[in-house]
Amino acid sequence: TVGILRVTLVYYINPHWDPDSGYNGGGLDVFLTDPNSAPPSASTARKAPKLRIAPHADTLAIFLAERMAHQVVETVGKERMYCLTMWCFDQFALSNFVPQVSQKQRDMQAGSDDEY
């Protein structure tokens, strides 16, 4: 099945980030799998080479979220890091999302005597 998420944009706004003055992590790892299709599993994707995107100020990463396996790099230490994330969805798939979830809930309720 095709998901509803199409494109992810990640914008880092950390003017204070400096790897030379004490590395505290942060950023994004993008696994360099074939962008023509989604990786078959997360473990397969993690075996691929990766590109680490540092959280420098004014850094923008744009990628196909369904096809490019990725993970957020943990930030350590007390300094705050900031990132603005935007997800772009497929309009047709998104418009069908709520009715599909509602139908699944009705189906689950019909198959069970339990109320919730």
PDB file of N, CA and C in Angstrom:
ATOM      1  N   THR A   1       0.837  -1.191   0.000  1.00  0.00           N
ATOM      2  CA  THR A   1       0.000   0.000   0.000  1.00  0.00           C
ATOM      3  C   THR A   1       0.873   1.242   0.000  1.00  0.00           C
ATOM      4  N   VAL A   2       0.329   2.298  -0.531  1.00  0.00           N
ATOM      5  CA  VAL A   2       1.051   3.560  -0.580  1.00  0.00           C
ATOM      6  C   VAL A   2       0.633   4.393   0.609  1.00  0.00           C
ATOM      7  N   GLY A   3       1.606   4.970   1.315  1.00  0.00           N
ATOM      8  CA  GLY A   3       1.318   5.808   2.469  1.00  0.00           C
ATOM      9  C   GLY A   3       0.900   7.201   2.061  1.00  0.00           C
ATOM     10  N   ILE A   4       0.607   7.998   3.063  1.00  0.00           N
ATOM     11  CA  ILE A   4       0.136   9.354   2.786  1.00  0.00           C
ATOM     12  C   ILE A   4       1.243  10.389   2.876  1.00  0.00           C
ATOM     13  N   LEU A   5       2.367  10.050   3.495  1.00  0.00           N
ATOM     14  CA  LEU A   5       3.454  11.001   3.651  1.00  0.00           C
ATOM     15  C   LEU A   5       4.284  11.050   2.374  1.00  0.00           C
ATOM     16  N   ARG A   6       4.510  12.214   1.850  1.00  0.00           N
ATOM     17  CA  ARG A   6       5.254  12.345   0.601  1.00  0.00           C
ATOM     18  C   ARG A   6       6.648  12.929   0.814  1.00  0.00           C
ATOM     19  N   VAL A   7       6.718  14.133   1.332  1.00  0.00           N
ATOM     20  CA  VAL A   7       7.993  14.835   1.459  1.00  0.00           C
ATOM     21  C   VAL A   7       8.136  15.352   2.886  1.00  0.00           C
ATOM     22  N   THR A   8       9.344  15.280   3.417  1.00  0.00           N
ATOM     23  CA  THR A   8       9.651  15.858   4.716  1.00  0.00           C
ATOM     24  C   THR A   8      10.689  16.946   4.529  1.00  0.00           C
ATOM     25  N   LEU A   9      10.469  18.073   5.194  1.00  0.00           N
ATOM     26  CA  LEU A   9      11.426  19.178   5.211  1.00  0.00           C
ATOM     27  C   LEU A   9      11.870  19.376   6.653  1.00  0.00           C
ATOM     28  N   VAL A  10      13.168  19.454   6.874  1.00  0.00           N
ATOM     29  CA  VAL A  10      13.718  19.661   8.206  1.00  0.00           C
ATOM     30  C   VAL A  10      14.644  20.872   8.122  1.00  0.00           C
ATOM     31  N   TYR A  11      14.345  21.892   8.920  1.00  0.00           N
ATOM     32  CA  TYR A  11      15.133  23.135   8.906  1.00  0.00           C
ATOM     33  C   TYR A  11      15.743  23.339  10.288  1.00  0.00           C
ATOM     34  N   TYR A  12      17.069  23.362  10.343  1.00  0.00           N
ATOM     35  CA  TYR A  12      17.777  23.531  11.619  1.00  0.00           C
ATOM     36  C   TYR A  12      18.079  25.006  11.845  1.00  0.00           C
ATOM     37  N   ILE A  13      17.836  25.459  13.070  1.00  0.00           N
ATOM     38  CA  ILE A  13      18.015  26.869  13.427  1.00  0.00           C
ATOM     39  C   ILE A  13      18.851  26.963  14.702  1.00  0.00           C
ATOM     40  N   ASN A  14      20.104  26.549  14.609  1.00  0.00           N
ATOM     41  CA  ASN A  14      20.981  26.487  15.775  1.00  0.00           C
ATOM     42  C   ASN A  14      22.283  27.256  15.518  1.00  0.00           C
ATOM     43  N   PRO A  15      22.264  28.579  15.633  1.00  0.00           N
ATOM     44  CA  PRO A  15      23.486  29.348  15.355  1.00  0.00           C
ATOM     45  C   PRO A  15      24.623  29.014  16.317  1.00  0.00           C
ATOM     46  N   HIS A  16      24.304  28.467  17.468  1.00  0.00           N
ATOM     47  CA  HIS A  16      25.318  28.143  18.472  1.00  0.00           C
ATOM     48  C   HIS A  16      25.967  26.782  18.257  1.00  0.00           C
ATOM     49  N   TRP A  17      25.452  25.966  17.323  1.00  0.00           N
ATOM     50  CA  TRP A  17      25.972  24.611  17.152  1.00  0.00           C
ATOM     51  C   TRP A  17      27.375  24.665  16.576  1.00  0.00           C
ATOM     52  N   ASP A  18      28.319  24.053  17.268  1.00  0.00           N
ATOM     53  CA  ASP A  18      29.715  24.045  16.834  1.00  0.00           C
ATOM     54  C   ASP A  18      30.343  22.720  17.270  1.00  0.00           C
ATOM     55  N   PRO A  19      30.612  21.821  16.329  1.00  0.00           N
ATOM     56  CA  PRO A  19      31.159  20.515  16.705  1.00  0.00           C
ATOM     57  C   PRO A  19      32.552  20.608  17.324  1.00  0.00           C
ATOM     58  N   ASP A  20      33.268  21.723  17.097  1.00  0.00           N
ATOM     59  CA  ASP A  20      34.615  21.864  17.640  1.00  0.00           C
ATOM     60  C   ASP A  20      34.631  22.277  19.104  1.00  0.00           C
ATOM     61  N   SER A  21      33.501  22.771  19.619  1.00  0.00           N
ATOM     62  CA  SER A  21      33.477  23.233  21.005  1.00  0.00           C
ATOM     63  C   SER A  21      32.726  22.273  21.916  1.00  0.00           C
ATOM     64  N   GLY A  22      32.807  21.016  21.632  1.00  0.00           N
ATOM     65  CA  GLY A  22      32.132  20.016  22.460  1.00  0.00           C
ATOM     66  C   GLY A  22      30.918  19.474  21.744  1.00  0.00           C
ATOM     67  N   TYR A  23      31.065  18.339  21.129  1.00  0.00           N
ATOM     68  CA  TYR A  23      29.991  17.745  20.335  1.00  0.00           C
ATOM     69  C   TYR A  23      28.849  17.319  21.240  1.00  0.00           C
ATOM     70  N   ASN A  24      27.632  17.731  20.901  1.00  0.00           N
ATOM     71  CA  ASN A  24      26.474  17.311  21.691  1.00  0.00           C
ATOM     72  C   ASN A  24      25.403  16.657  20.829  1.00  0.00           C
ATOM     73  N   GLY A  25      25.798  16.114  19.697  1.00  0.00           N
ATOM     74  CA  GLY A  25      24.868  15.356  18.871  1.00  0.00           C
ATOM     75  C   GLY A  25      23.917  16.231  18.091  1.00  0.00           C
ATOM     76  N   GLY A  26      22.784  15.661  17.805  1.00  0.00           N
ATOM     77  CA  GLY A  26      21.769  16.375  17.038  1.00  0.00           C
ATOM     78  C   GLY A  26      21.930  16.127  15.547  1.00  0.00           C
ATOM     79  N   GLY A  27      20.890  16.412  14.815  1.00  0.00           N
ATOM     80  CA  GLY A  27      20.923  16.269  13.375  1.00  0.00           C
ATOM     81  C   GLY A  27      20.068  15.105  12.905  1.00  0.00           C
ATOM     82  N   LEU A  28      20.394  14.631  11.725  1.00  0.00           N
ATOM     83  CA  LEU A  28      19.584  13.618  11.066  1.00  0.00           C
ATOM     84  C   LEU A  28      20.494  12.667  10.305  1.00  0.00           C
ATOM     85  N   ASP A  29      20.238  11.381  10.434  1.00  0.00           N
ATOM     86  CA  ASP A  29      20.914  10.373   9.617  1.00  0.00           C
ATOM     87  C   ASP A  29      19.959   9.944   8.514  1.00  0.00           C
ATOM     88  N   VAL A  30      20.414  10.000   7.273  1.00  0.00           N
ATOM     89  CA  VAL A  30      19.643   9.512   6.131  1.00  0.00           C
ATOM     90  C   VAL A  30      20.397   8.315   5.570  1.00  0.00           C
ATOM     91  N   PHE A  31      19.725   7.185   5.524  1.00  0.00           N
ATOM     92  CA  PHE A  31      20.354   5.969   5.017  1.00  0.00           C
ATOM     93  C   PHE A  31      20.261   5.967   3.494  1.00  0.00           C
ATOM     94  N   LEU A  32      21.384   5.736   2.852  1.00  0.00           N
ATOM     95  CA  LEU A  32      21.488   5.870   1.403  1.00  0.00           C
ATOM     96  C   LEU A  32      21.043   4.593   0.694  1.00  0.00           C
ATOM     97  N   THR A  33      19.758   4.334   0.803  1.00  0.00           N
ATOM     98  CA  THR A  33      19.136   3.200   0.115  1.00  0.00           C
ATOM     99  C   THR A  33      18.639   3.684  -1.245  1.00  0.00           C
ATOM    100  N   ASP A  34      18.119   2.789  -2.040  1.00  0.00           N
ATOM    101  CA  ASP A  34      17.591   3.130  -3.359  1.00  0.00           C
ATOM    102  C   ASP A  34      16.351   4.012  -3.199  1.00  0.00           C
ATOM    103  N   PRO A  35      16.382   5.269  -3.659  1.00  0.00           N
ATOM    104  CA  PRO A  35      15.232   6.166  -3.484  1.00  0.00           C
ATOM    105  C   PRO A  35      14.052   5.842  -4.400  1.00  0.00           C
ATOM    106  N   ASN A  36      14.207   4.861  -5.292  1.00  0.00           N
ATOM    107  CA  ASN A  36      13.102   4.488  -6.176  1.00  0.00           C
ATOM    108  C   ASN A  36      12.030   3.663  -5.468  1.00  0.00           C
ATOM    109  N   SER A  37      12.371   3.105  -4.307  1.00  0.00           N
ATOM    110  CA  SER A  37      11.389   2.331  -3.550  1.00  0.00           C
ATOM    111  C   SER A  37      11.785   2.334  -2.081  1.00  0.00           C
ATOM    112  N   ALA A  38      10.801   2.081  -1.240  1.00  0.00           N
ATOM    113  CA  ALA A  38      11.064   2.025   0.198  1.00  0.00           C
ATOM    114  C   ALA A  38      11.912   0.798   0.515  1.00  0.00           C
ATOM    115  N   PRO A  39      12.806   0.904   1.508  1.00  0.00           N
ATOM    116  CA  PRO A  39      13.583  -0.273   1.896  1.00  0.00           C
ATOM    117  C   PRO A  39      12.646  -1.347   2.452  1.00  0.00           C
ATOM    118  N   PRO A  40      12.991  -2.628   2.264  1.00  0.00           N
ATOM    119  CA  PRO A  40      12.110  -3.706   2.711  1.00  0.00           C
ATOM    120  C   PRO A  40      11.930  -3.761   4.229  1.00  0.00           C
ATOM    121  N   SER A  41      12.917  -3.276   4.979  1.00  0.00           N
ATOM    122  CA  SER A  41      12.805  -3.285   6.445  1.00  0.00           C
ATOM    123  C   SER A  41      13.760  -2.247   7.021  1.00  0.00           C
ATOM    124  N   ALA A  42      13.522  -1.900   8.280  1.00  0.00           N
ATOM    125  CA  ALA A  42      14.399  -0.949   8.960  1.00  0.00           C
ATOM    126  C   ALA A  42      15.803  -1.528   9.133  1.00  0.00           C
ATOM    127  N   SER A  43      15.885  -2.825   9.418  1.00  0.00           N
ATOM    128  CA  SER A  43      17.209  -3.428   9.610  1.00  0.00           C
ATOM    129  C   SER A  43      18.006  -3.427   8.304  1.00  0.00           C
ATOM    130  N   THR A  44      17.336  -3.623   7.184  1.00  0.00           N
ATOM    131  CA  THR A  44      18.011  -3.544   5.885  1.00  0.00           C
ATOM    132  C   THR A  44      18.509  -2.124   5.638  1.00  0.00           C
ATOM    133  N   ALA A  45      17.686  -1.146   5.931  1.00  0.00           N
ATOM    134  CA  ALA A  45      18.061   0.251   5.714  1.00  0.00           C
ATOM    135  C   ALA A  45      19.261   0.627   6.570  1.00  0.00           C
ATOM    136  N   ARG A  46      19.292   0.166   7.813  1.00  0.00           N
ATOM    137  CA  ARG A  46      20.391   0.529   8.722  1.00  0.00           C
ATOM    138  C   ARG A  46      21.730  -0.060   8.296  1.00  0.00           C
ATOM    139  N   LYS A  47      21.707  -1.055   7.427  1.00  0.00           N
ATOM    140  CA  LYS A  47      22.958  -1.639   6.927  1.00  0.00           C
ATOM    141  C   LYS A  47      23.549  -0.819   5.782  1.00  0.00           C
ATOM    142  N   ALA A  48      22.762   0.086   5.223  1.00  0.00           N
ATOM    143  CA  ALA A  48      23.218   0.915   4.107  1.00  0.00           C
ATOM    144  C   ALA A  48      24.119   2.029   4.627  1.00  0.00           C
ATOM    145  N   PRO A  49      24.985   2.566   3.763  1.00  0.00           N
ATOM    146  CA  PRO A  49      25.761   3.741   4.174  1.00  0.00           C
ATOM    147  C   PRO A  49      24.803   4.861   4.564  1.00  0.00           C
ATOM    148  N   LYS A  50      25.267   5.758   5.417  1.00  0.00           N
ATOM    149  CA  LYS A  50      24.388   6.842   5.842  1.00  0.00           C
ATOM    150  C   LYS A  50      25.075   8.191   5.664  1.00  0.00           C
ATOM    151  N   LEU A  51      24.244   9.174   5.525  1.00  0.00           N
ATOM    152  CA  LEU A  51      24.689  10.564   5.437  1.00  0.00           C
ATOM    153  C   LEU A  51      24.182  11.261   6.683  1.00  0.00           C
ATOM    154  N   ARG A  52      25.079  11.838   7.478  1.00  0.00           N
ATOM    155  CA  ARG A  52      24.669  12.572   8.674  1.00  0.00           C
ATOM    156  C   ARG A  52      24.559  14.045   8.314  1.00  0.00           C
ATOM    157  N   ILE A  53      23.381  14.592   8.567  1.00  0.00           N
ATOM    158  CA  ILE A  53      23.133  16.008   8.326  1.00  0.00           C
ATOM    159  C   ILE A  53      23.237  16.712   9.671  1.00  0.00           C
ATOM    160  N   ALA A  54      24.211  17.604   9.774  1.00  0.00           N
ATOM    161  CA  ALA A  54      24.459  18.316  11.030  1.00  0.00           C
ATOM    162  C   ALA A  54      23.417  19.405  11.239  1.00  0.00           C
ATOM    163  N   PRO A  55      23.100  19.716  12.493  1.00  0.00           N
ATOM    164  CA  PRO A  55      22.071  20.702  12.782  1.00  0.00           C
ATOM    165  C   PRO A  55      22.591  22.148  12.782  1.00  0.00           C
ATOM    166  N   HIS A  56      23.441  22.487  11.816  1.00  0.00           N
ATOM    167  CA  HIS A  56      23.940  23.861  11.699  1.00  0.00           C
ATOM    168  C   HIS A  56      22.784  24.823  11.475  1.00  0.00           C
ATOM    169  N   ALA A  57      22.991  26.066  11.844  1.00  0.00           N
ATOM    170  CA  ALA A  57      21.989  27.093  11.568  1.00  0.00           C
ATOM    171  C   ALA A  57      21.796  27.225  10.060  1.00  0.00           C
ATOM    172  N   ASP A  58      20.564  27.428   9.661  1.00  0.00           N
ATOM    173  CA  ASP A  58      20.192  27.646   8.266  1.00  0.00           C
ATOM    174  C   ASP A  58      20.507  26.437   7.383  1.00  0.00           C
ATOM    175  N   THR A  59      20.290  25.232   7.922  1.00  0.00           N
ATOM    176  CA  THR A  59      20.450  23.999   7.156  1.00  0.00           C
ATOM    177  C   THR A  59      19.070  23.428   6.871  1.00  0.00           C
ATOM    178  N   LEU A  60      18.801  23.157   5.603  1.00  0.00           N
ATOM    179  CA  LEU A  60      17.522  22.611   5.191  1.00  0.00           C
ATOM    180  C   LEU A  60      17.749  21.260   4.520  1.00  0.00           C
ATOM    181  N   ALA A  61      17.034  20.243   4.999  1.00  0.00           N
ATOM    182  CA  ALA A  61      17.064  18.913   4.379  1.00  0.00           C
ATOM    183  C   ALA A  61      15.662  18.618   3.858  1.00  0.00           C
ATOM    184  N   ILE A  62      15.584  18.188   2.606  1.00  0.00           N
ATOM    185  CA  ILE A  62      14.314  17.822   1.984  1.00  0.00           C
ATOM    186  C   ILE A  62      14.483  16.412   1.428  1.00  0.00           C
ATOM    187  N   PHE A  63      13.574  15.515   1.794  1.00  0.00           N
ATOM    188  CA  PHE A  63      13.706  14.145   1.318  1.00  0.00           C
ATOM    189  C   PHE A  63      12.353  13.458   1.233  1.00  0.00           C
ATOM    190  N   LEU A  64      12.326  12.391   0.453  1.00  0.00           N
ATOM    191  CA  LEU A  64      11.121  11.569   0.303  1.00  0.00           C
ATOM    192  C   LEU A  64      11.052  10.629   1.504  1.00  0.00           C
ATOM    193  N   ALA A  65      10.234  10.968   2.458  1.00  0.00           N
ATOM    194  CA  ALA A  65      10.212  10.259   3.740  1.00  0.00           C
ATOM    195  C   ALA A  65       9.839   8.786   3.612  1.00  0.00           C
ATOM    196  N   GLU A  66       8.946   8.452   2.695  1.00  0.00           N
ATOM    197  CA  GLU A  66       8.546   7.050   2.535  1.00  0.00           C
ATOM    198  C   GLU A  66       9.653   6.200   1.924  1.00  0.00           C
ATOM    199  N   ARG A  67      10.513   6.819   1.155  1.00  0.00           N
ATOM    200  CA  ARG A  67      11.533   6.056   0.417  1.00  0.00           C
ATOM    201  C   ARG A  67      12.920   6.172   1.014  1.00  0.00           C
ATOM    202  N   MET A  68      13.152   7.196   1.802  1.00  0.00           N
ATOM    203  CA  MET A  68      14.477   7.415   2.379  1.00  0.00           C
ATOM    204  C   MET A  68      14.417   7.127   3.877  1.00  0.00           C
ATOM    205  N   ALA A  69      14.952   5.996   4.265  1.00  0.00           N
ATOM    206  CA  ALA A  69      14.984   5.651   5.683  1.00  0.00           C
ATOM    207  C   ALA A  69      15.843   6.684   6.408  1.00  0.00           C
ATOM    208  N   HIS A  70      15.387   7.105   7.562  1.00  0.00           N
ATOM    209  CA  HIS A  70      16.086   8.154   8.292  1.00  0.00           C
ATOM    210  C   HIS A  70      15.826   8.006   9.782  1.00  0.00           C
ATOM    211  N   GLN A  71      16.662   8.671  10.563  1.00  0.00           N
ATOM    212  CA  GLN A  71      16.467   8.693  12.008  1.00  0.00           C
ATOM    213  C   GLN A  71      17.052   9.983  12.565  1.00  0.00           C
ATOM    214  N   VAL A  72      16.448  10.461  13.632  1.00  0.00           N
ATOM    215  CA  VAL A  72      16.931  11.657  14.314  1.00  0.00           C
ATOM    216  C   VAL A  72      18.117  11.258  15.181  1.00  0.00           C
ATOM    217  N   VAL A  73      19.166  12.069  15.158  1.00  0.00           N
ATOM    218  CA  VAL A  73      20.345  11.818  15.981  1.00  0.00           C
ATOM    219  C   VAL A  73      20.095  12.451  17.356  1.00  0.00           C
ATOM    220  N   GLU A  74      20.263  11.658  18.379  1.00  0.00           N
ATOM    221  CA  GLU A  74      19.998  12.126  19.741  1.00  0.00           C
ATOM    222  C   GLU A  74      20.899  13.306  20.112  1.00  0.00           C
ATOM    223  N   THR A  75      20.313  14.282  20.775  1.00  0.00           N
ATOM    224  CA  THR A  75      21.060  15.419  21.308  1.00  0.00           C
ATOM    225  C   THR A  75      21.382  15.119  22.759  1.00  0.00           C
ATOM    226  N   VAL A  76      22.629  15.330  23.135  1.00  0.00           N
ATOM    227  CA  VAL A  76      23.053  15.110  24.509  1.00  0.00           C
ATOM    228  C   VAL A  76      23.540  16.431  25.091  1.00  0.00           C
ATOM    229  N   GLY A  77      23.554  16.519  26.374  1.00  0.00           N
ATOM    230  CA  GLY A  77      23.987  17.761  27.018  1.00  0.00           C
ATOM    231  C   GLY A  77      22.803  18.648  27.346  1.00  0.00           C
ATOM    232  N   LYS A  78      23.110  19.813  27.889  1.00  0.00           N
ATOM    233  CA  LYS A  78      22.067  20.718  28.368  1.00  0.00           C
ATOM    234  C   LYS A  78      21.678  21.790  27.366  1.00  0.00           C
ATOM    235  N   GLU A  79      22.481  21.972  26.350  1.00  0.00           N
ATOM    236  CA  GLU A  79      22.182  23.015  25.371  1.00  0.00           C
ATOM    237  C   GLU A  79      20.979  22.618  24.516  1.00  0.00           C
ATOM    238  N   ARG A  80      20.083  23.548  24.306  1.00  0.00           N
ATOM    239  CA  ARG A  80      18.880  23.276  23.509  1.00  0.00           C
ATOM    240  C   ARG A  80      19.200  23.374  22.025  1.00  0.00           C
ATOM    241  N   MET A  81      18.571  22.475  21.265  1.00  0.00           N
ATOM    242  CA  MET A  81      18.707  22.466  19.813  1.00  0.00           C
ATOM    243  C   MET A  81      17.321  22.666  19.223  1.00  0.00           C
ATOM    244  N   TYR A  82      17.246  23.388  18.104  1.00  0.00           N
ATOM    245  CA  TYR A  82      15.952  23.698  17.508  1.00  0.00           C
ATOM    246  C   TYR A  82      15.893  23.247  16.058  1.00  0.00           C
ATOM    247  N   CYS A  83      14.717  22.739  15.702  1.00  0.00           N
ATOM    248  CA  CYS A  83      14.486  22.225  14.366  1.00  0.00           C
ATOM    249  C   CYS A  83      13.018  22.451  14.026  1.00  0.00           C
ATOM    250  N   LEU A  84      12.762  22.920  12.837  1.00  0.00           N
ATOM    251  CA  LEU A  84      11.409  23.080  12.337  1.00  0.00           C
ATOM    252  C   LEU A  84      11.182  21.980  11.308  1.00  0.00           C
ATOM    253  N   THR A  85      10.140  21.184  11.512  1.00  0.00           N
ATOM    254  CA  THR A  85       9.855  20.070  10.614  1.00  0.00           C
ATOM    255  C   THR A  85       8.507  20.284   9.950  1.00  0.00           C
ATOM    256  N   MET A  86       8.454  19.990   8.657  1.00  0.00           N
ATOM    257  CA  MET A  86       7.199  20.096   7.911  1.00  0.00           C
ATOM    258  C   MET A  86       7.012  18.806   7.130  1.00  0.00           C
ATOM    259  N   TRP A  87       5.814  18.245   7.240  1.00  0.00           N
ATOM    260  CA  TRP A  87       5.484  17.033   6.499  1.00  0.00           C
ATOM    261  C   TRP A  87       4.471  17.383   5.423  1.00  0.00           C
ATOM    262  N   CYS A  88       4.714  16.927   4.224  1.00  0.00           N
ATOM    263  CA  CYS A  88       3.798  17.160   3.102  1.00  0.00           C
ATOM    264  C   CYS A  88       3.105  15.833   2.786  1.00  0.00           C
ATOM    265  N   PHE A  89       1.783  15.867   2.774  1.00  0.00           N
ATOM    266  CA  PHE A  89       0.985  14.661   2.607  1.00  0.00           C
ATOM    267  C   PHE A  89       0.324  14.623   1.242  1.00  0.00           C
ATOM    268  N   ASP A  90       0.006  13.424   0.804  1.00  0.00           N
ATOM    269  CA  ASP A  90      -0.755  13.214  -0.412  1.00  0.00           C
ATOM    270  C   ASP A  90      -2.212  13.562  -0.109  1.00  0.00           C
ATOM    271  N   GLN A  91      -2.780  14.520  -0.823  1.00  0.00           N
ATOM    272  CA  GLN A  91      -4.116  15.020  -0.527  1.00  0.00           C
ATOM    273  C   GLN A  91      -5.187  13.931  -0.665  1.00  0.00           C
ATOM    274  N   PHE A  92      -5.132  13.152  -1.717  1.00  0.00           N
ATOM    275  CA  PHE A  92      -6.140  12.115  -1.919  1.00  0.00           C
ATOM    276  C   PHE A  92      -6.083  11.074  -0.807  1.00  0.00           C
ATOM    277  N   ALA A  93      -4.887  10.591  -0.491  1.00  0.00           N
ATOM    278  CA  ALA A  93      -4.739   9.582   0.556  1.00  0.00           C
ATOM    279  C   ALA A  93      -5.155  10.151   1.909  1.00  0.00           C
ATOM    280  N   LEU A  94      -4.797  11.405   2.168  1.00  0.00           N
ATOM    281  CA  LEU A  94      -5.157  12.031   3.435  1.00  0.00           C
ATOM    282  C   LEU A  94      -6.664  12.215   3.554  1.00  0.00           C
ATOM    283  N   SER A  95      -7.337  12.561   2.449  1.00  0.00           N
ATOM    284  CA  SER A  95      -8.786  12.753   2.495  1.00  0.00           C
ATOM    285  C   SER A  95      -9.512  11.442   2.797  1.00  0.00           C
ATOM    286  N   ASN A  96      -8.909  10.321   2.469  1.00  0.00           N
ATOM    287  CA  ASN A  96      -9.510   9.017   2.753  1.00  0.00           C
ATOM    288  C   ASN A  96      -9.119   8.459   4.122  1.00  0.00           C
ATOM    289  N   PHE A  97      -8.169   9.102   4.768  1.00  0.00           N
ATOM    290  CA  PHE A  97      -7.632   8.574   6.018  1.00  0.00           C
ATOM    291  C   PHE A  97      -8.691   8.502   7.120  1.00  0.00           C
ATOM    292  N   VAL A  98      -9.384   9.596   7.386  1.00  0.00           N
ATOM    293  CA  VAL A  98     -10.372   9.620   8.467  1.00  0.00           C
ATOM    294  C   VAL A  98     -11.511   8.629   8.209  1.00  0.00           C
ATOM    295  N   PRO A  99     -12.088   8.598   7.012  1.00  0.00           N
ATOM    296  CA  PRO A  99     -13.129   7.585   6.779  1.00  0.00           C
ATOM    297  C   PRO A  99     -12.623   6.153   6.959  1.00  0.00           C
ATOM    298  N   GLN A 100     -11.392   5.873   6.563  1.00  0.00           N
ATOM    299  CA  GLN A 100     -10.852   4.523   6.713  1.00  0.00           C
ATOM    300  C   GLN A 100     -10.674   4.161   8.185  1.00  0.00           C
ATOM    301  N   VAL A 101     -10.162   5.104   8.978  1.00  0.00           N
ATOM    302  CA  VAL A 101      -9.983   4.855  10.412  1.00  0.00           C
ATOM    303  C   VAL A 101     -11.344   4.675  11.082  1.00  0.00           C
ATOM    304  N   SER A 102     -12.301   5.514  10.714  1.00  0.00           N
ATOM    305  CA  SER A 102     -13.651   5.402  11.283  1.00  0.00           C
ATOM    306  C   SER A 102     -14.261   4.044  10.965  1.00  0.00           C
ATOM    307  N   GLN A 103     -14.084   3.575   9.740  1.00  0.00           N
ATOM    308  CA  GLN A 103     -14.615   2.265   9.354  1.00  0.00           C
ATOM    309  C   GLN A 103     -13.947   1.150  10.149  1.00  0.00           C
ATOM    310  N   LYS A 104     -12.639   1.250  10.348  1.00  0.00           N
ATOM    311  CA  LYS A 104     -11.930   0.232  11.138  1.00  0.00           C
ATOM    312  C   LYS A 104     -12.441   0.215  12.570  1.00  0.00           C
ATOM    313  N   GLN A 105     -12.712   1.407  13.126  1.00  0.00           N
ATOM    314  CA  GLN A 105     -13.244   1.463  14.483  1.00  0.00           C
ATOM    315  C   GLN A 105     -14.633   0.826  14.551  1.00  0.00           C
ATOM    316  N   ARG A 106     -15.473   1.099  13.563  1.00  0.00           N
ATOM    317  CA  ARG A 106     -16.804   0.492  13.527  1.00  0.00           C
ATOM    318  C   ARG A 106     -16.700  -1.030  13.407  1.00  0.00           C
ATOM    319  N   ASP A 107     -15.782  -1.493  12.558  1.00  0.00           N
ATOM    320  CA  ASP A 107     -15.586  -2.929  12.384  1.00  0.00           C
ATOM    321  C   ASP A 107     -15.129  -3.580  13.700  1.00  0.00           C
ATOM    322  N   MET A 108     -14.223  -2.909  14.398  1.00  0.00           N
ATOM    323  CA  MET A 108     -13.737  -3.447  15.671  1.00  0.00           C
ATOM    324  C   MET A 108     -14.856  -3.491  16.696  1.00  0.00           C
ATOM    325  N   GLN A 109     -15.663  -2.447  16.750  1.00  0.00           N
ATOM    326  CA  GLN A 109     -16.778  -2.417  17.703  1.00  0.00           C
ATOM    327  C   GLN A 109     -17.812  -3.488  17.380  1.00  0.00           C
ATOM    328  N   ALA A 110     -18.062  -3.712  16.106  1.00  0.00           N
ATOM    329  CA  ALA A 110     -19.048  -4.709  15.705  1.00  0.00           C
ATOM    330  C   ALA A 110     -18.590  -6.117  16.064  1.00  0.00           C
ATOM    331  N   GLY A 111     -17.292  -6.335  16.092  1.00  0.00           N
ATOM    332  CA  GLY A 111     -16.753  -7.653  16.382  1.00  0.00           C
ATOM    333  C   GLY A 111     -16.518  -7.890  17.862  1.00  0.00           C
ATOM    334  N   SER A 112     -16.850  -6.917  18.703  1.00  0.00           N
ATOM    335  CA  SER A 112     -16.565  -7.043  20.132  1.00  0.00           C
ATOM    336  C   SER A 112     -17.771  -6.585  20.943  1.00  0.00           C
ATOM    337  N   ASP A 113     -17.996  -7.243  22.086  1.00  0.00           N
ATOM    338  CA  ASP A 113     -19.051  -6.829  22.998  1.00  0.00           C
ATOM    339  C   ASP A 113     -18.560  -5.777  23.992  1.00  0.00           C
ATOM    340  N   ASP A 114     -17.242  -5.563  24.020  1.00  0.00           N
ATOM    341  CA  ASP A 114     -16.670  -4.601  24.962  1.00  0.00           C
ATOM    342  C   ASP A 114     -16.928  -3.179  24.499  1.00  0.00           C
ATOM    343  N   GLU A 115     -17.242  -2.323  25.448  1.00  0.00           N
ATOM    344  CA  GLU A 115     -17.397  -0.898  25.137  1.00  0.00           C
ATOM    345  C   GLU A 115     -16.116  -0.195  25.551  1.00  0.00           C
ATOM    346  N   TYR A 116     -15.790   0.825  24.786  1.00  0.00           N
ATOM    347  CA  TYR A 116     -14.625   1.634  25.162  1.00  0.00           C
ATOM    348  C   TYR A 116     -14.867   3.055  24.809  1.00  0.00           C
TER     349      TYR A 116
END
